[in-house]
């Protein structure tokens, strides 16, 4: 929608609302979607106020609280309510700047608590289904299986995985020397299953992919070059589709599953922090919420009074 289209739609709006929306087009960094969201929120509030013969520019804090209470009874999501309050705050601050109002009715209103958004994860059965999708009788399929197994076994970031060099893998000790964010190095143990797949890959697949070229990338592409994180992300999505996994995935999906499953099986949070390479324990604590959610789900399914 162009600015011209937007202006034609707001022609019948209250003057101050129309002026506010017009001013937003002049502000850098605001997307069209953001401006349209402000418009929807403010028009809906204005329509509700009009039932009581209250003008949008004259609304009080009590008016806003009653409107918020109505929306909460209607089952509106917390994130939607947070966006509404953001729209109202911006509008009434604009009116104060323009000397239309003496005070901001949103000044003492608290924003709804959004809470932490849990990262998507996979169940252990879904991970198994995903890992089984590559054809290990194929050179590329064997490489992909080794990469997926290593990713789930170590919780590496995708960028760390595709950037691995051959010298960073110590098969005898069963560890990966990983260089993560901030150029910080950590040693990550690799489980026996992943080591078995890596051994097969190193013997049967990697030499074929390199065509005798000198290359220290642990997981080269068909052309013998380093794989990009975008290319590996495409592989994950393709194998997830083949496994009939319906969940929304991210490049960190197996990293999330690694951390969640460790905690579900009793791992210490600080151990998981070290394995993931988190500088701050609070970053790792998000996974305890997922683990608790899983325990609550299991309790509800299996406990006689769940």
C-alpha atoms as a PDB file:
ATOM      1  CA  UNK A   1       0.000   0.000   0.000  1.00  0.00           C
ATOM      2  CA  UNK A   2       1.445   3.393  -1.021  1.00  0.00           C
ATOM      3  CA  UNK A   3       1.269   6.569   1.008  1.00  0.00           C
ATOM      4  CA  UNK A   4      -1.383   7.828  -1.421  1.00  0.00           C
ATOM      5  CA  UNK A   5      -3.510   4.746  -0.819  1.00  0.00           C
ATOM      6  CA  UNK A   6      -3.043   5.169   2.928  1.00  0.00           C
ATOM      7  CA  UNK A   7      -4.101   8.827   2.791  1.00  0.00           C
ATOM      8  CA  UNK A   8      -7.290   8.021   0.887  1.00  0.00           C
ATOM      9  CA  UNK A   9      -8.251   5.458   3.507  1.00  0.00           C
ATOM     10  CA  UNK A  10      -7.808   7.881   6.415  1.00  0.00           C
ATOM     11  CA  UNK A  11      -9.725  10.758   4.801  1.00  0.00           C
ATOM     12  CA  UNK A  12     -12.801  10.203   6.993  1.00  0.00           C
ATOM     13  CA  UNK A  13     -10.867   9.702  10.229  1.00  0.00           C
ATOM     14  CA  UNK A  14     -10.749  12.134  13.140  1.00  0.00           C
ATOM     15  CA  UNK A  15      -8.394  14.991  12.310  1.00  0.00           C
ATOM     16  CA  UNK A  16      -5.803  14.255  15.002  1.00  0.00           C
ATOM     17  CA  UNK A  17      -5.641  10.576  14.086  1.00  0.00           C
ATOM     18  CA  UNK A  18      -5.203  11.403  10.426  1.00  0.00           C
ATOM     19  CA  UNK A  19      -2.427  13.884  11.254  1.00  0.00           C
ATOM     20  CA  UNK A  20      -0.718  11.300  13.479  1.00  0.00           C
ATOM     21  CA  UNK A  21      -0.748   8.626  10.773  1.00  0.00           C
ATOM     22  CA  UNK A  22       0.526  11.105   8.194  1.00  0.00           C
ATOM     23  CA  UNK A  23       3.405  12.004  10.528  1.00  0.00           C
ATOM     24  CA  UNK A  24       4.438   8.348  10.766  1.00  0.00           C
ATOM     25  CA  UNK A  25       5.226   8.231   7.052  1.00  0.00           C
ATOM     26  CA  UNK A  26       7.894  10.862   7.650  1.00  0.00           C
ATOM     27  CA  UNK A  27       9.624   8.904  10.412  1.00  0.00           C
ATOM     28  CA  UNK A  28      12.592   6.748   9.428  1.00  0.00           C
ATOM     29  CA  UNK A  29      12.575   3.065  10.333  1.00  0.00           C
ATOM     30  CA  UNK A  30       8.802   2.503  10.444  1.00  0.00           C
ATOM     31  CA  UNK A  31       7.545  -0.161   8.076  1.00  0.00           C
ATOM     32  CA  UNK A  32       4.247  -0.058   6.239  1.00  0.00           C
ATOM     33  CA  UNK A  33       3.033  -2.994   8.331  1.00  0.00           C
ATOM     34  CA  UNK A  34       3.796  -1.097  11.551  1.00  0.00           C
ATOM     35  CA  UNK A  35       1.876   1.981  10.433  1.00  0.00           C
ATOM     36  CA  UNK A  36      -1.080  -0.134   9.353  1.00  0.00           C
ATOM     37  CA  UNK A  37      -1.041  -1.887  12.738  1.00  0.00           C
ATOM     38  CA  UNK A  38      -1.229   1.518  14.497  1.00  0.00           C
ATOM     39  CA  UNK A  39      -4.122   2.465  12.254  1.00  0.00           C
ATOM     40  CA  UNK A  40      -6.113  -0.704  13.010  1.00  0.00           C
ATOM     41  CA  UNK A  41      -5.574  -0.439  16.766  1.00  0.00           C
ATOM     42  CA  UNK A  42      -6.495   3.233  16.973  1.00  0.00           C
ATOM     43  CA  UNK A  43      -9.542   2.943  14.716  1.00  0.00           C
ATOM     44  CA  UNK A  44     -10.873   0.049  16.803  1.00  0.00           C
ATOM     45  CA  UNK A  45     -10.392   2.024  20.021  1.00  0.00           C
ATOM     46  CA  UNK A  46     -12.012   5.119  18.465  1.00  0.00           C
ATOM     47  CA  UNK A  47     -15.037   3.060  17.389  1.00  0.00           C
ATOM     48  CA  UNK A  48     -15.424   1.674  20.923  1.00  0.00           C
ATOM     49  CA  UNK A  49     -15.151   5.154  22.450  1.00  0.00           C
ATOM     50  CA  UNK A  50     -17.740   6.572  20.056  1.00  0.00           C
ATOM     51  CA  UNK A  51     -20.395   4.330  21.632  1.00  0.00           C
ATOM     52  CA  UNK A  52     -19.999   6.462  24.756  1.00  0.00           C
ATOM     53  CA  UNK A  53     -19.672   9.732  22.802  1.00  0.00           C
ATOM     54  CA  UNK A  54     -16.005  10.040  23.765  1.00  0.00           C
ATOM     55  CA  UNK A  55     -13.542  11.456  21.261  1.00  0.00           C
ATOM     56  CA  UNK A  56     -10.311   9.511  20.689  1.00  0.00           C
ATOM     57  CA  UNK A  57      -8.160  12.527  21.498  1.00  0.00           C
ATOM     58  CA  UNK A  58      -9.976  13.031  24.833  1.00  0.00           C
ATOM     59  CA  UNK A  59      -9.801   9.442  26.189  1.00  0.00           C
ATOM     60  CA  UNK A  60      -8.739   8.941  29.805  1.00  0.00           C
ATOM     61  CA  UNK A  61      -6.654   6.253  31.467  1.00  0.00           C
ATOM     62  CA  UNK A  62      -9.873   4.717  32.816  1.00  0.00           C
ATOM     63  CA  UNK A  63     -11.261   4.523  29.267  1.00  0.00           C
ATOM     64  CA  UNK A  64      -8.159   2.635  28.178  1.00  0.00           C
ATOM     65  CA  UNK A  65      -8.310   0.269  31.172  1.00  0.00           C
ATOM     66  CA  UNK A  66     -11.975  -0.573  30.468  1.00  0.00           C
ATOM     67  CA  UNK A  67     -11.142  -1.232  26.822  1.00  0.00           C
ATOM     68  CA  UNK A  68      -8.216  -3.451  27.814  1.00  0.00           C
ATOM     69  CA  UNK A  69     -10.431  -5.398  30.229  1.00  0.00           C
ATOM     70  CA  UNK A  70     -13.016  -5.945  27.491  1.00  0.00           C
ATOM     71  CA  UNK A  71     -10.393  -7.271  25.096  1.00  0.00           C
ATOM     72  CA  UNK A  72      -8.951  -9.609  27.726  1.00  0.00           C
ATOM     73  CA  UNK A  73     -12.445 -11.035  28.359  1.00  0.00           C
ATOM     74  CA  UNK A  74     -12.683 -11.607  24.617  1.00  0.00           C
ATOM     75  CA  UNK A  75      -9.563 -13.749  24.844  1.00  0.00           C
ATOM     76  CA  UNK A  76      -7.092 -11.465  23.086  1.00  0.00           C
ATOM     77  CA  UNK A  77      -3.490 -12.628  23.252  1.00  0.00           C
ATOM     78  CA  UNK A  78      -0.998 -10.875  25.514  1.00  0.00           C
ATOM     79  CA  UNK A  79       1.200  -9.951  22.546  1.00  0.00           C
ATOM     80  CA  UNK A  80      -1.774  -8.302  20.848  1.00  0.00           C
ATOM     81  CA  UNK A  81      -2.509  -6.289  23.992  1.00  0.00           C
ATOM     82  CA  UNK A  82       1.109  -5.175  24.232  1.00  0.00           C
ATOM     83  CA  UNK A  83       0.970  -3.921  20.658  1.00  0.00           C
ATOM     84  CA  UNK A  84      -2.301  -2.046  21.362  1.00  0.00           C
ATOM     85  CA  UNK A  85      -0.748  -0.214  24.307  1.00  0.00           C
ATOM     86  CA  UNK A  86       2.285   0.633  22.178  1.00  0.00           C
ATOM     87  CA  UNK A  87      -0.026   2.157  19.552  1.00  0.00           C
ATOM     88  CA  UNK A  88      -1.911   4.186  22.146  1.00  0.00           C
ATOM     89  CA  UNK A  89       1.283   5.408  23.801  1.00  0.00           C
ATOM     90  CA  UNK A  90       2.712   6.653  20.531  1.00  0.00           C
ATOM     91  CA  UNK A  91      -0.545   8.403  19.600  1.00  0.00           C
ATOM     92  CA  UNK A  92      -1.059  10.209  22.917  1.00  0.00           C
ATOM     93  CA  UNK A  93       2.587  11.241  23.149  1.00  0.00           C
ATOM     94  CA  UNK A  94       2.173  12.743  19.707  1.00  0.00           C
ATOM     95  CA  UNK A  95      -0.884  14.701  20.936  1.00  0.00           C
ATOM     96  CA  UNK A  96       1.117  15.978  23.909  1.00  0.00           C
ATOM     97  CA  UNK A  97       3.965  17.104  21.644  1.00  0.00           C
ATOM     98  CA  UNK A  98       1.457  18.922  19.450  1.00  0.00           C
ATOM     99  CA  UNK A  99      -0.102  20.584  22.549  1.00  0.00           C
ATOM    100  CA  UNK A 100      -3.460  18.938  21.843  1.00  0.00           C
ATOM    101  CA  UNK A 101      -3.396  17.362  25.319  1.00  0.00           C
ATOM    102  CA  UNK A 102      -1.803  18.373  28.591  1.00  0.00           C
ATOM    103  CA  UNK A 103      -1.157  14.807  29.771  1.00  0.00           C
ATOM    104  CA  UNK A 104      -0.591  11.303  28.453  1.00  0.00           C
ATOM    105  CA  UNK A 105      -3.314   8.854  29.658  1.00  0.00           C
ATOM    106  CA  UNK A 106      -0.973   5.887  29.051  1.00  0.00           C
ATOM    107  CA  UNK A 107       1.833   7.237  31.252  1.00  0.00           C
ATOM    108  CA  UNK A 108       0.989   5.104  34.300  1.00  0.00           C
ATOM    109  CA  UNK A 109      -0.288   2.037  32.447  1.00  0.00           C
ATOM    110  CA  UNK A 110       1.910  -1.074  32.643  1.00  0.00           C
ATOM    111  CA  UNK A 111       2.691  -3.137  29.579  1.00  0.00           C
ATOM    112  CA  UNK A 112       1.490  -6.775  29.642  1.00  0.00           C
ATOM    113  CA  UNK A 113       4.217  -9.275  30.553  1.00  0.00           C
ATOM    114  CA  UNK A 114       5.073 -11.171  27.393  1.00  0.00           C
ATOM    115  CA  UNK A 115       7.263 -13.798  29.026  1.00  0.00           C
ATOM    116  CA  UNK A 116      10.020 -15.660  27.229  1.00  0.00           C
ATOM    117  CA  UNK A 117       9.284 -17.218  23.884  1.00  0.00           C
ATOM    118  CA  UNK A 118      10.318 -20.859  23.919  1.00  0.00           C
ATOM    119  CA  UNK A 119      12.416 -22.041  20.990  1.00  0.00           C
ATOM    120  CA  UNK A 120      10.948 -24.767  18.809  1.00  0.00           C
ATOM    121  CA  UNK A 121      12.199 -28.229  19.659  1.00  0.00           C
ATOM    122  CA  UNK A 122      11.632 -31.797  18.519  1.00  0.00           C
ATOM    123  CA  UNK A 123      10.676 -34.872  20.485  1.00  0.00           C
ATOM    124  CA  UNK A 124      13.181 -37.713  20.622  1.00  0.00           C
ATOM    125  CA  UNK A 125      11.018 -39.714  18.200  1.00  0.00           C
ATOM    126  CA  UNK A 126      10.958 -36.804  15.754  1.00  0.00           C
ATOM    127  CA  UNK A 127      14.735 -36.464  15.944  1.00  0.00           C
ATOM    128  CA  UNK A 128      15.117 -40.184  15.215  1.00  0.00           C
ATOM    129  CA  UNK A 129      12.815 -39.847  12.208  1.00  0.00           C
ATOM    130  CA  UNK A 130      14.808 -36.860  10.939  1.00  0.00           C
ATOM    131  CA  UNK A 131      18.173 -38.593  11.343  1.00  0.00           C
ATOM    132  CA  UNK A 132      16.989 -41.617   9.372  1.00  0.00           C
ATOM    133  CA  UNK A 133      16.062 -39.653   6.244  1.00  0.00           C
ATOM    134  CA  UNK A 134      19.457 -39.332   4.483  1.00  0.00           C
ATOM    135  CA  UNK A 135      20.384 -42.289   2.269  1.00  0.00           C
ATOM    136  CA  UNK A 136      23.644 -43.501   3.804  1.00  0.00           C
ATOM    137  CA  UNK A 137      24.403 -45.618   0.711  1.00  0.00           C
ATOM    138  CA  UNK A 138      24.813 -42.352  -1.210  1.00  0.00           C
ATOM    139  CA  UNK A 139      27.958 -40.241  -0.856  1.00  0.00           C
ATOM    140  CA  UNK A 140      26.053 -37.045  -0.092  1.00  0.00           C
ATOM    141  CA  UNK A 141      23.470 -38.858   2.017  1.00  0.00           C
ATOM    142  CA  UNK A 142      26.207 -40.338   4.207  1.00  0.00           C
ATOM    143  CA  UNK A 143      27.729 -36.885   4.654  1.00  0.00           C
ATOM    144  CA  UNK A 144      24.326 -35.450   5.594  1.00  0.00           C
ATOM    145  CA  UNK A 145      23.685 -38.248   8.095  1.00  0.00           C
ATOM    146  CA  UNK A 146      27.058 -37.634   9.731  1.00  0.00           C
ATOM    147  CA  UNK A 147      26.354 -33.901   9.936  1.00  0.00           C
ATOM    148  CA  UNK A 148      22.893 -34.386  11.473  1.00  0.00           C
ATOM    149  CA  UNK A 149      24.191 -36.941  13.950  1.00  0.00           C
ATOM    150  CA  UNK A 150      27.049 -34.659  14.970  1.00  0.00           C
ATOM    151  CA  UNK A 151      24.742 -31.655  15.309  1.00  0.00           C
ATOM    152  CA  UNK A 152      22.328 -33.519  17.577  1.00  0.00           C
ATOM    153  CA  UNK A 153      25.165 -35.134  19.551  1.00  0.00           C
ATOM    154  CA  UNK A 154      26.972 -31.870  20.300  1.00  0.00           C
ATOM    155  CA  UNK A 155      24.462 -29.007  20.134  1.00  0.00           C
ATOM    156  CA  UNK A 156      26.763 -27.005  17.856  1.00  0.00           C
ATOM    157  CA  UNK A 157      25.435 -23.915  16.118  1.00  0.00           C
ATOM    158  CA  UNK A 158      24.881 -24.520  12.404  1.00  0.00           C
ATOM    159  CA  UNK A 159      27.549 -21.917  11.607  1.00  0.00           C
ATOM    160  CA  UNK A 160      29.968 -23.811  13.866  1.00  0.00           C
ATOM    161  CA  UNK A 161      29.122 -27.122  12.204  1.00  0.00           C
ATOM    162  CA  UNK A 162      29.616 -26.022   8.600  1.00  0.00           C
ATOM    163  CA  UNK A 163      32.785 -24.156   9.581  1.00  0.00           C
ATOM    164  CA  UNK A 164      34.455 -27.194  11.162  1.00  0.00           C
ATOM    165  CA  UNK A 165      37.915 -28.117   9.921  1.00  0.00           C
ATOM    166  CA  UNK A 166      39.227 -31.678   9.835  1.00  0.00           C
ATOM    167  CA  UNK A 167      41.860 -30.889  12.457  1.00  0.00           C
ATOM    168  CA  UNK A 168      39.146 -29.843  14.963  1.00  0.00           C
ATOM    169  CA  UNK A 169      37.842 -33.411  15.171  1.00  0.00           C
ATOM    170  CA  UNK A 170      39.707 -35.799  17.475  1.00  0.00           C
ATOM    171  CA  UNK A 171      38.278 -39.244  16.791  1.00  0.00           C
ATOM    172  CA  UNK A 172      40.535 -40.988  19.307  1.00  0.00           C
ATOM    173  CA  UNK A 173      39.444 -38.798  22.226  1.00  0.00           C
ATOM    174  CA  UNK A 174      35.897 -38.381  20.878  1.00  0.00           C
ATOM    175  CA  UNK A 175      35.801 -34.566  21.058  1.00  0.00           C
ATOM    176  CA  UNK A 176      35.274 -31.572  18.791  1.00  0.00           C
ATOM    177  CA  UNK A 177      37.341 -28.429  19.341  1.00  0.00           C
ATOM    178  CA  UNK A 178      34.844 -25.722  18.527  1.00  0.00           C
ATOM    179  CA  UNK A 179      35.397 -21.984  18.077  1.00  0.00           C
ATOM    180  CA  UNK A 180      32.160 -20.175  18.878  1.00  0.00           C
ATOM    181  CA  UNK A 181      30.916 -16.635  19.377  1.00  0.00           C
ATOM    182  CA  UNK A 182      33.525 -14.118  20.461  1.00  0.00           C
ATOM    183  CA  UNK A 183      36.210 -16.466  19.106  1.00  0.00           C
ATOM    184  CA  UNK A 184      35.867 -18.522  22.295  1.00  0.00           C
ATOM    185  CA  UNK A 185      37.079 -22.094  22.087  1.00  0.00           C
ATOM    186  CA  UNK A 186      35.419 -25.043  23.809  1.00  0.00           C
ATOM    187  CA  UNK A 187      35.799 -28.820  23.739  1.00  0.00           C
ATOM    188  CA  UNK A 188      32.557 -30.706  23.096  1.00  0.00           C
ATOM    189  CA  UNK A 189      32.313 -34.496  23.579  1.00  0.00           C
ATOM    190  CA  UNK A 190      30.843 -36.552  20.753  1.00  0.00           C
ATOM    191  CA  UNK A 191      28.714 -39.613  21.508  1.00  0.00           C
ATOM    192  CA  UNK A 192      29.554 -43.079  20.221  1.00  0.00           C
ATOM    193  CA  UNK A 193      26.723 -43.170  17.692  1.00  0.00           C
ATOM    194  CA  UNK A 194      27.836 -39.922  16.070  1.00  0.00           C
ATOM    195  CA  UNK A 195      31.465 -41.100  16.105  1.00  0.00           C
ATOM    196  CA  UNK A 196      30.461 -44.284  14.259  1.00  0.00           C
ATOM    197  CA  UNK A 197      28.735 -42.244  11.530  1.00  0.00           C
ATOM    198  CA  UNK A 198      31.692 -39.885  11.322  1.00  0.00           C
ATOM    199  CA  UNK A 199      34.067 -42.820  10.932  1.00  0.00           C
ATOM    200  CA  UNK A 200      32.012 -44.189   8.020  1.00  0.00           C
ATOM    201  CA  UNK A 201      31.777 -40.751   6.445  1.00  0.00           C
ATOM    202  CA  UNK A 202      35.536 -40.129   6.687  1.00  0.00           C
ATOM    203  CA  UNK A 203      36.326 -43.487   5.089  1.00  0.00           C
ATOM    204  CA  UNK A 204      33.605 -43.755   2.432  1.00  0.00           C
ATOM    205  CA  UNK A 205      32.294 -40.301   1.576  1.00  0.00           C
ATOM    206  CA  UNK A 206      34.702 -37.432   2.250  1.00  0.00           C
ATOM    207  CA  UNK A 207      37.520 -38.733  -0.024  1.00  0.00           C
ATOM    208  CA  UNK A 208      35.030 -39.030  -2.904  1.00  0.00           C
ATOM    209  CA  UNK A 209      33.725 -35.495  -2.365  1.00  0.00           C
ATOM    210  CA  UNK A 210      37.242 -34.044  -2.337  1.00  0.00           C
ATOM    211  CA  UNK A 211      38.323 -35.732  -5.603  1.00  0.00           C
ATOM    212  CA  UNK A 212      41.885 -35.836  -4.286  1.00  0.00           C
ATOM    213  CA  UNK A 213      41.914 -32.072  -3.633  1.00  0.00           C
ATOM    214  CA  UNK A 214      43.616 -30.635  -0.569  1.00  0.00           C
ATOM    215  CA  UNK A 215      40.821 -29.252   1.578  1.00  0.00           C
ATOM    216  CA  UNK A 216      40.621 -29.034   5.359  1.00  0.00           C
ATOM    217  CA  UNK A 217      36.839 -28.500   5.555  1.00  0.00           C
ATOM    218  CA  UNK A 218      35.336 -31.381   7.512  1.00  0.00           C
ATOM    219  CA  UNK A 219      32.106 -31.398   5.488  1.00  0.00           C
ATOM    220  CA  UNK A 220      32.748 -30.285   1.889  1.00  0.00           C
ATOM    221  CA  UNK A 221      30.049 -30.009  -0.773  1.00  0.00           C
ATOM    222  CA  UNK A 222      29.841 -31.995  -3.995  1.00  0.00           C
ATOM    223  CA  UNK A 223      32.220 -29.444  -5.521  1.00  0.00           C
ATOM    224  CA  UNK A 224      34.756 -29.944  -2.766  1.00  0.00           C
ATOM    225  CA  UNK A 225      34.052 -26.527  -1.232  1.00  0.00           C
ATOM    226  CA  UNK A 226      32.880 -25.471   2.222  1.00  0.00           C
ATOM    227  CA  UNK A 227      29.121 -25.717   2.798  1.00  0.00           C
ATOM    228  CA  UNK A 228      27.163 -22.581   3.685  1.00  0.00           C
ATOM    229  CA  UNK A 229      24.759 -22.483   6.627  1.00  0.00           C
ATOM    230  CA  UNK A 230      21.962 -21.641   4.170  1.00  0.00           C
ATOM    231  CA  UNK A 231      22.666 -24.798   2.164  1.00  0.00           C
ATOM    232  CA  UNK A 232      22.648 -26.950   5.295  1.00  0.00           C
ATOM    233  CA  UNK A 233      19.429 -25.291   6.497  1.00  0.00           C
ATOM    234  CA  UNK A 234      17.857 -26.258   3.168  1.00  0.00           C
ATOM    235  CA  UNK A 235      18.926 -29.860   3.778  1.00  0.00           C
ATOM    236  CA  UNK A 236      17.320 -29.897   7.238  1.00  0.00           C
ATOM    237  CA  UNK A 237      14.032 -28.574   5.852  1.00  0.00           C
ATOM    238  CA  UNK A 238      14.054 -31.160   3.061  1.00  0.00           C
ATOM    239  CA  UNK A 239      14.704 -34.054   5.433  1.00  0.00           C
ATOM    240  CA  UNK A 240      12.118 -32.758   7.927  1.00  0.00           C
ATOM    241  CA  UNK A 241       9.525 -32.686   5.160  1.00  0.00           C
ATOM    242  CA  UNK A 242      10.440 -36.249   4.193  1.00  0.00           C
ATOM    243  CA  UNK A 243      10.057 -37.275   7.866  1.00  0.00           C
ATOM    244  CA  UNK A 244       6.580 -35.658   7.920  1.00  0.00           C
ATOM    245  CA  UNK A 245       7.578 -33.256  10.701  1.00  0.00           C
ATOM    246  CA  UNK A 246       4.969 -30.490  10.761  1.00  0.00           C
ATOM    247  CA  UNK A 247       6.590 -28.211  13.355  1.00  0.00           C
ATOM    248  CA  UNK A 248       8.083 -24.893  12.321  1.00  0.00           C
ATOM    249  CA  UNK A 249      11.827 -25.483  12.257  1.00  0.00           C
ATOM    250  CA  UNK A 250      14.751 -23.108  12.605  1.00  0.00           C
ATOM    251  CA  UNK A 251      18.484 -23.542  11.928  1.00  0.00           C
ATOM    252  CA  UNK A 252      18.846 -24.117  15.682  1.00  0.00           C
ATOM    253  CA  UNK A 253      16.191 -26.862  15.911  1.00  0.00           C
ATOM    254  CA  UNK A 254      18.603 -29.723  16.624  1.00  0.00           C
ATOM    255  CA  UNK A 255      20.599 -27.496  18.999  1.00  0.00           C
ATOM    256  CA  UNK A 256      17.391 -26.850  20.941  1.00  0.00           C
ATOM    257  CA  UNK A 257      16.569 -30.571  20.917  1.00  0.00           C
ATOM    258  CA  UNK A 258      20.079 -31.409  22.170  1.00  0.00           C
ATOM    259  CA  UNK A 259      19.714 -29.072  25.173  1.00  0.00           C
ATOM    260  CA  UNK A 260      16.118 -30.003  25.950  1.00  0.00           C
ATOM    261  CA  UNK A 261      16.695 -33.755  25.829  1.00  0.00           C
ATOM    262  CA  UNK A 262      19.794 -33.478  28.027  1.00  0.00           C
ATOM    263  CA  UNK A 263      17.797 -31.621  30.687  1.00  0.00           C
ATOM    264  CA  UNK A 264      14.873 -34.028  30.375  1.00  0.00           C
ATOM    265  CA  UNK A 265      17.293 -36.858  31.165  1.00  0.00           C
ATOM    266  CA  UNK A 266      18.684 -35.132  34.233  1.00  0.00           C
ATOM    267  CA  UNK A 267      21.713 -33.175  32.977  1.00  0.00           C
ATOM    268  CA  UNK A 268      22.954 -30.281  35.111  1.00  0.00           C
ATOM    269  CA  UNK A 269      22.107 -26.846  33.716  1.00  0.00           C
ATOM    270  CA  UNK A 270      25.713 -25.619  34.001  1.00  0.00           C
ATOM    271  CA  UNK A 271      26.968 -28.613  32.030  1.00  0.00           C
ATOM    272  CA  UNK A 272      24.500 -27.785  29.266  1.00  0.00           C
ATOM    273  CA  UNK A 273      25.685 -24.156  29.413  1.00  0.00           C
ATOM    274  CA  UNK A 274      29.287 -25.251  28.818  1.00  0.00           C
ATOM    275  CA  UNK A 275      28.324 -27.593  25.989  1.00  0.00           C
ATOM    276  CA  UNK A 276      26.293 -24.917  24.216  1.00  0.00           C
ATOM    277  CA  UNK A 277      28.982 -22.283  24.692  1.00  0.00           C
ATOM    278  CA  UNK A 278      26.683 -19.805  26.426  1.00  0.00           C
ATOM    279  CA  UNK A 279      28.560 -17.037  28.224  1.00  0.00           C
ATOM    280  CA  UNK A 280      25.628 -16.388  30.575  1.00  0.00           C
ATOM    281  CA  UNK A 281      23.653 -19.066  32.423  1.00  0.00           C
ATOM    282  CA  UNK A 282      20.461 -17.050  31.957  1.00  0.00           C
ATOM    283  CA  UNK A 283      20.665 -17.785  28.213  1.00  0.00           C
ATOM    284  CA  UNK A 284      20.624 -21.512  28.944  1.00  0.00           C
ATOM    285  CA  UNK A 285      17.781 -21.269  31.465  1.00  0.00           C
ATOM    286  CA  UNK A 286      15.211 -20.888  28.693  1.00  0.00           C
ATOM    287  CA  UNK A 287      15.579 -24.644  28.165  1.00  0.00           C
ATOM    288  CA  UNK A 288      14.439 -25.391  31.701  1.00  0.00           C
ATOM    289  CA  UNK A 289      11.052 -23.967  30.718  1.00  0.00           C
ATOM    290  CA  UNK A 290      10.847 -26.418  27.832  1.00  0.00           C
ATOM    291  CA  UNK A 291      11.867 -29.309  30.068  1.00  0.00           C
ATOM    292  CA  UNK A 292       9.243 -28.359  32.657  1.00  0.00           C
ATOM    293  CA  UNK A 293       6.624 -28.092  29.926  1.00  0.00           C
ATOM    294  CA  UNK A 294       7.494 -31.606  28.755  1.00  0.00           C
ATOM    295  CA  UNK A 295       7.343 -32.975  32.315  1.00  0.00           C
ATOM    296  CA  UNK A 296       3.980 -31.319  32.850  1.00  0.00           C
ATOM    297  CA  UNK A 297       2.702 -32.856  29.613  1.00  0.00           C
ATOM    298  CA  UNK A 298       3.899 -36.333  30.650  1.00  0.00           C
ATOM    299  CA  UNK A 299       2.332 -35.904  34.089  1.00  0.00           C
ATOM    300  CA  UNK A 300      -0.967 -34.947  32.505  1.00  0.00           C
ATOM    301  CA  UNK A 301      -0.900 -37.975  30.227  1.00  0.00           C
ATOM    302  CA  UNK A 302       0.181 -40.635  32.697  1.00  0.00           C
ATOM    303  CA  UNK A 303      -0.763 -39.580  36.221  1.00  0.00           C
ATOM    304  CA  UNK A 304      -4.201 -40.852  37.358  1.00  0.00           C
ATOM    305  CA  UNK A 305      -5.085 -37.371  38.584  1.00  0.00           C
ATOM    306  CA  UNK A 306      -3.139 -35.516  35.903  1.00  0.00           C
END
